[in-house]
Protein backbone atom coordinates (compact mmCIF):
# COMPACT_ATOMS: atom_id res chain seq x y z
CA MET A 1 81.61 82.52 103.41
CA LEU A 2 81.80 78.74 103.86
CA LYS A 3 79.78 78.10 100.69
CA PHE A 4 82.14 80.37 98.76
CA LEU A 5 85.21 78.62 100.15
CA ASP A 6 83.69 75.22 99.54
CA HIS A 7 83.11 76.17 95.94
CA ILE A 8 86.63 77.51 95.47
CA PHE A 9 88.31 74.53 97.01
CA TYR A 10 86.01 71.64 95.95
CA THR A 11 84.57 72.77 92.59
CA CYS A 12 87.36 74.90 91.30
CA ASN A 13 90.14 72.66 92.85
CA TRP A 14 92.19 75.61 94.14
CA ARG A 15 94.79 74.91 96.78
CA LYS A 16 95.30 78.44 98.04
CA ILE A 17 93.52 81.80 98.02
CA THR A 18 95.59 84.97 98.54
CA TYR A 19 93.87 88.31 98.95
CA ALA A 20 94.32 91.93 100.28
CA VAL A 21 92.34 93.86 102.83
CA CYS A 22 92.75 97.60 103.40
CA SER A 23 93.36 98.56 107.12
CA GLU A 24 90.53 101.14 106.72
CA ASN A 25 88.11 98.14 106.71
CA VAL A 26 88.30 97.47 110.41
CA ARG A 27 85.49 94.86 110.69
CA THR A 28 86.86 92.75 107.84
CA MET A 29 90.35 92.88 109.33
CA LYS A 30 89.04 91.66 112.72
CA ILE A 31 87.07 88.76 111.19
CA HIS A 32 89.95 87.56 109.07
CA GLU A 33 92.46 87.85 111.96
CA ARG A 34 90.14 85.61 114.04
CA LEU A 35 89.56 82.83 111.60
CA PRO A 36 91.81 79.89 112.36
CA PHE A 37 92.33 78.91 108.77
CA VAL A 38 93.37 82.37 107.59
CA LYS A 39 97.02 83.36 107.81
CA LYS A 40 98.26 86.95 107.57
CA ILE A 41 101.21 86.90 105.26
CA GLY A 42 102.26 90.53 105.43
CA VAL A 43 101.69 94.21 105.10
CA SER A 44 103.41 94.99 101.84
CA LEU A 45 101.77 98.29 100.92
CA LEU A 46 102.32 100.77 103.74
CA ASN A 47 100.44 104.06 103.37
CA TYR A 48 99.14 102.82 99.99
CA LYS A 49 95.50 103.66 99.78
CA LEU A 50 94.26 107.29 100.10
CA SER A 51 90.71 107.64 101.46
CA ASN A 52 89.24 110.69 103.13
CA ASN A 53 92.64 112.44 103.03
CA LYS A 54 94.22 109.64 105.04
CA TYR A 55 96.56 106.82 103.91
CA TYR A 56 95.87 103.21 104.87
CA ASP A 57 97.99 100.09 104.72
CA VAL A 58 97.18 97.03 102.65
CA HIS A 59 97.34 93.66 104.45
CA PHE A 60 97.75 90.32 102.63
CA PHE A 61 96.10 87.14 103.79
CA GLU A 62 96.00 83.57 102.49
CA ILE A 63 93.79 80.53 103.03
CA MET A 64 95.42 77.13 102.32
CA LEU A 65 93.20 74.12 101.51
CA GLU A 66 94.71 72.05 104.28
CA ASP A 67 94.13 74.75 106.91
CA TYR A 68 90.50 75.29 105.82
CA LEU A 69 89.73 71.53 105.87
CA GLU A 70 91.27 71.22 109.42
CA ASN A 71 89.02 73.98 110.79
CA ARG A 72 85.87 73.73 108.67
CA PHE A 73 84.02 71.27 110.91
CA ASP A 74 84.63 73.36 114.07
CA LEU A 75 83.37 76.42 112.33
CA LEU A 76 80.25 74.69 111.10
CA HIS A 77 79.43 73.37 114.50
CA ASN A 78 80.19 76.66 116.26
CA ASN A 79 77.24 78.30 114.54
CA GLY A 80 79.64 80.83 112.92
CA LYS A 81 80.63 82.41 116.29
CA LEU A 82 84.10 83.01 114.98
CA LEU A 83 82.58 85.22 112.26
CA SER A 84 80.56 87.48 114.52
CA THR A 85 82.04 90.89 115.24
């Protein structure tokens, strides 16, 4: 994940990444909610995705360059413990 974010922020010169995660994907939701540089910006699509005859919400997250840079060193030296589920 850090290599991907480094590429996006350093090589592509992006300042912000915004993305969506379906509430059905529990492991991914937990990881992103634990990362200190990821901000949950809302649940805009309630009961949006139908899967296995059940509707799920879609949650939106963002990663700002400044937040990522503030926390990157700690994550690198924490051996990725924040990413383990």
